C-alpha atoms as a PDB file:
ATOM      1  CA  UNK A   1      56.823  -4.587  -6.754  1.00  0.00           C
ATOM      2  CA  UNK A   2      59.108  -6.469  -4.442  1.00  0.00           C
ATOM      3  CA  UNK A   3      60.071  -5.228  -1.000  1.00  0.00           C
ATOM      4  CA  UNK A   4      63.859  -4.927  -0.554  1.00  0.00           C
ATOM      5  CA  UNK A   5      64.613  -5.588   3.115  1.00  0.00           C
ATOM      6  CA  UNK A   6      68.301  -4.663   2.827  1.00  0.00           C
ATOM      7  CA  UNK A   7      67.505  -1.321   1.224  1.00  0.00           C
ATOM      8  CA  UNK A   8      64.904  -0.560   3.899  1.00  0.00           C
ATOM      9  CA  UNK A   9      67.367  -1.469   6.649  1.00  0.00           C
ATOM     10  CA  UNK A  10      70.052   0.774   5.131  1.00  0.00           C
ATOM     11  CA  UNK A  11      67.611   3.679   4.920  1.00  0.00           C
ATOM     12  CA  UNK A  12      66.506   3.114   8.515  1.00  0.00           C
ATOM     13  CA  UNK A  13      70.126   2.896   9.663  1.00  0.00           C
ATOM     14  CA  UNK A  14      70.954   6.123   7.833  1.00  0.00           C
ATOM     15  CA  UNK A  15      67.967   7.883   9.375  1.00  0.00           C
ATOM     16  CA  UNK A  16      68.917   6.706  12.865  1.00  0.00           C
ATOM     17  CA  UNK A  17      72.494   7.895  12.379  1.00  0.00           C
ATOM     18  CA  UNK A  18      71.210  11.317  11.344  1.00  0.00           C
ATOM     19  CA  UNK A  19      68.952  11.494  14.404  1.00  0.00           C
ATOM     20  CA  UNK A  20      71.791  10.331  16.665  1.00  0.00           C
ATOM     21  CA  UNK A  21      74.117  13.040  15.346  1.00  0.00           C
ATOM     22  CA  UNK A  22      71.447  15.689  15.913  1.00  0.00           C
ATOM     23  CA  UNK A  23      70.817  14.396  19.411  1.00  0.00           C
ATOM     24  CA  UNK A  24      74.542  14.394  20.207  1.00  0.00           C
ATOM     25  CA  UNK A  25      74.809  18.009  19.106  1.00  0.00           C
ATOM     26  CA  UNK A  26      71.760  19.025  21.152  1.00  0.00           C
ATOM     27  CA  UNK A  27      73.146  17.290  24.238  1.00  0.00           C
ATOM     28  CA  UNK A  28      76.538  18.911  23.694  1.00  0.00           C
ATOM     29  CA  UNK A  29      74.950  22.365  23.408  1.00  0.00           C
ATOM     30  CA  UNK A  30      72.909  21.827  26.577  1.00  0.00           C
ATOM     31  CA  UNK A  31      76.019  20.687  28.456  1.00  0.00           C
ATOM     32  CA  UNK A  32      77.906  23.793  27.347  1.00  0.00           C
ATOM     33  CA  UNK A  33      74.949  25.984  28.401  1.00  0.00           C
ATOM     34  CA  UNK A  34      74.926  24.304  31.805  1.00  0.00           C
ATOM     35  CA  UNK A  35      78.682  24.872  32.148  1.00  0.00           C
ATOM     36  CA  UNK A  36      78.200  28.544  31.267  1.00  0.00           C
ATOM     37  CA  UNK A  37      75.359  28.952  33.798  1.00  0.00           C
ATOM     38  CA  UNK A  38      77.515  27.253  36.423  1.00  0.00           C
ATOM     39  CA  UNK A  39      80.364  29.699  35.769  1.00  0.00           C
ATOM     40  CA  UNK A  40      77.930  32.628  35.992  1.00  0.00           C
ATOM     41  CA  UNK A  41      76.635  31.297  39.333  1.00  0.00           C
ATOM     42  CA  UNK A  42      80.185  31.110  40.656  1.00  0.00           C
ATOM     43  CA  UNK A  43      80.776  34.667  39.437  1.00  0.00           C
ATOM     44  CA  UNK A  44      77.762  35.897  41.418  1.00  0.00           C
ATOM     45  CA  UNK A  45      79.124  34.208  44.551  1.00  0.00           C
ATOM     46  CA  UNK A  46      82.506  35.812  43.943  1.00  0.00           C
ATOM     47  CA  UNK A  47      80.898  39.253  43.588  1.00  0.00           C
ATOM     48  CA  UNK A  48      79.147  38.642  46.910  1.00  0.00           C
ATOM     49  CA  UNK A  49      82.455  37.644  48.509  1.00  0.00           C
ATOM     50  CA  UNK A  50      84.073  40.844  47.218  1.00  0.00           C
ATOM     51  CA  UNK A  51      81.195  42.857  48.660  1.00  0.00           C
ATOM     52  CA  UNK A  52      81.662  41.185  52.060  1.00  0.00           C
ATOM     53  CA  UNK A  53      85.410  41.856  52.046  1.00  0.00           C
ATOM     54  CA  UNK A  54      84.834  45.481  51.104  1.00  0.00           C
ATOM     55  CA  UNK A  55      82.059  45.921  53.670  1.00  0.00           C
ATOM     56  CA  UNK A  56      84.184  44.406  56.430  1.00  0.00           C
ATOM     57  CA  UNK A  57      87.070  46.705  55.529  1.00  0.00           C
ATOM     58  CA  UNK A  58      84.793  49.764  55.688  1.00  0.00           C
ATOM     59  CA  UNK A  59      83.134  48.722  58.955  1.00  0.00           C
ATOM     60  CA  UNK A  60      86.475  47.742  60.457  1.00  0.00           C
ATOM     61  CA  UNK A  61      87.938  51.102  59.528  1.00  0.00           C
ATOM     62  CA  UNK A  62      90.903  49.749  57.628  1.00  0.00           C
ATOM     63  CA  UNK A  63      91.010  48.834  53.989  1.00  0.00           C
ATOM     64  CA  UNK A  64      92.318  45.330  53.474  1.00  0.00           C
ATOM     65  CA  UNK A  65      93.611  45.905  49.945  1.00  0.00           C
ATOM     66  CA  UNK A  66      95.260  42.490  49.692  1.00  0.00           C
ATOM     67  CA  UNK A  67      91.952  40.680  50.235  1.00  0.00           C
ATOM     68  CA  UNK A  68      90.112  43.080  47.939  1.00  0.00           C
ATOM     69  CA  UNK A  69      92.717  42.699  45.185  1.00  0.00           C
ATOM     70  CA  UNK A  70      92.634  38.907  45.549  1.00  0.00           C
ATOM     71  CA  UNK A  71      88.829  38.881  45.209  1.00  0.00           C
ATOM     72  CA  UNK A  72      89.022  41.170  42.164  1.00  0.00           C
ATOM     73  CA  UNK A  73      91.593  38.866  40.535  1.00  0.00           C
ATOM     74  CA  UNK A  74      89.324  35.839  41.084  1.00  0.00           C
ATOM     75  CA  UNK A  75      86.469  37.741  39.416  1.00  0.00           C
ATOM     76  CA  UNK A  76      88.684  38.827  36.527  1.00  0.00           C
ATOM     77  CA  UNK A  77      89.722  35.209  35.904  1.00  0.00           C
ATOM     78  CA  UNK A  78      86.114  34.002  36.108  1.00  0.00           C
ATOM     79  CA  UNK A  79      85.039  36.630  33.557  1.00  0.00           C
ATOM     80  CA  UNK A  80      87.700  35.313  31.169  1.00  0.00           C
ATOM     81  CA  UNK A  81      86.409  31.766  31.689  1.00  0.00           C
ATOM     82  CA  UNK A  82      82.867  32.933  30.945  1.00  0.00           C
ATOM     83  CA  UNK A  83      83.978  34.696  27.766  1.00  0.00           C
ATOM     84  CA  UNK A  84      85.739  31.528  26.578  1.00  0.00           C
ATOM     85  CA  UNK A  85      82.674  29.417  27.408  1.00  0.00           C
ATOM     86  CA  UNK A  86      80.448  31.816  25.440  1.00  0.00           C
ATOM     87  CA  UNK A  87      82.755  31.561  22.424  1.00  0.00           C
ATOM     88  CA  UNK A  88      82.755  27.754  22.578  1.00  0.00           C
ATOM     89  CA  UNK A  89      78.955  27.681  22.874  1.00  0.00           C
ATOM     90  CA  UNK A  90      78.529  30.109  19.976  1.00  0.00           C
ATOM     91  CA  UNK A  91      80.758  27.948  17.757  1.00  0.00           C
ATOM     92  CA  UNK A  92      78.828  24.831  18.752  1.00  0.00           C
ATOM     93  CA  UNK A  93      75.592  26.593  17.733  1.00  0.00           C
ATOM     94  CA  UNK A  94      77.222  27.823  14.491  1.00  0.00           C
ATOM     95  CA  UNK A  95      77.002  31.401  15.723  1.00  0.00           C
ATOM     96  CA  UNK A  96      79.412  34.144  16.767  1.00  0.00           C
ATOM     97  CA  UNK A  97      79.597  36.751  19.501  1.00  0.00           C
ATOM     98  CA  UNK A  98      78.806  40.398  18.917  1.00  0.00           C
ATOM     99  CA  UNK A  99      82.028  42.324  19.623  1.00  0.00           C
ATOM    100  CA  UNK A 100      80.043  45.144  21.251  1.00  0.00           C
ATOM    101  CA  UNK A 101      77.559  43.450  23.583  1.00  0.00           C
ATOM    102  CA  UNK A 102      78.902  39.874  23.663  1.00  0.00           C
ATOM    103  CA  UNK A 103      75.593  38.233  22.757  1.00  0.00           C
ATOM    104  CA  UNK A 104      75.479  35.218  20.454  1.00  0.00           C
ATOM    105  CA  UNK A 105      74.212  36.043  16.942  1.00  0.00           C
ATOM    106  CA  UNK A 106      73.915  34.221  13.622  1.00  0.00           C
ATOM    107  CA  UNK A 107      77.191  34.064  11.692  1.00  0.00           C
ATOM    108  CA  UNK A 108      75.571  35.692   8.671  1.00  0.00           C
ATOM    109  CA  UNK A 109      73.866  38.519  10.608  1.00  0.00           C
ATOM    110  CA  UNK A 110      74.633  42.017   9.359  1.00  0.00           C
ATOM    111  CA  UNK A 111      73.432  43.672  12.577  1.00  0.00           C
ATOM    112  CA  UNK A 112      73.363  42.412  16.156  1.00  0.00           C
ATOM    113  CA  UNK A 113      69.768  41.637  17.116  1.00  0.00           C
ATOM    114  CA  UNK A 114      70.519  42.669  20.722  1.00  0.00           C
ATOM    115  CA  UNK A 115      72.411  45.981  20.490  1.00  0.00           C
ATOM    116  CA  UNK A 116      72.015  46.908  16.806  1.00  0.00           C
ATOM    117  CA  UNK A 117      75.747  47.102  16.129  1.00  0.00           C
ATOM    118  CA  UNK A 118      76.736  46.628  12.482  1.00  0.00           C
ATOM    119  CA  UNK A 119      78.692  43.380  12.253  1.00  0.00           C
ATOM    120  CA  UNK A 120      81.547  42.492   9.976  1.00  0.00           C
ATOM    121  CA  UNK A 121      80.667  39.426   7.940  1.00  0.00           C
ATOM    122  CA  UNK A 122      83.460  36.852   7.623  1.00  0.00           C
ATOM    123  CA  UNK A 123      83.622  37.303   3.843  1.00  0.00           C
ATOM    124  CA  UNK A 124      84.096  41.098   4.374  1.00  0.00           C
ATOM    125  CA  UNK A 125      87.218  40.438   6.440  1.00  0.00           C
ATOM    126  CA  UNK A 126      88.788  38.306   3.713  1.00  0.00           C
ATOM    127  CA  UNK A 127      88.143  40.876   0.969  1.00  0.00           C
END
């Protein structure tokens, strides 16, 4: 039995390409998770800022509705960003979001493993 160097190199190259693709996907998922955590951290800071504005308006005796409304709008926009980031991450992980609780679940799941909600399977929608 003769050793075929070219065949071995092709198999090794194919294996490395497969590993590289898997690594790229893992890195991409981790980056998207980091982006999501960063957005959630900003949201917490924005909630704190809203609390300060509200507290100062109560202590000062006059409601500063413009500042409160501005802080609420910033939070509303950040929540939309977070929802979009969750959807992108779920797609990257080949999952989907539960419409009730917003958690990421397997695309083929019949029930949400977090809240128990019955999920519509993609093939059910098309039928």
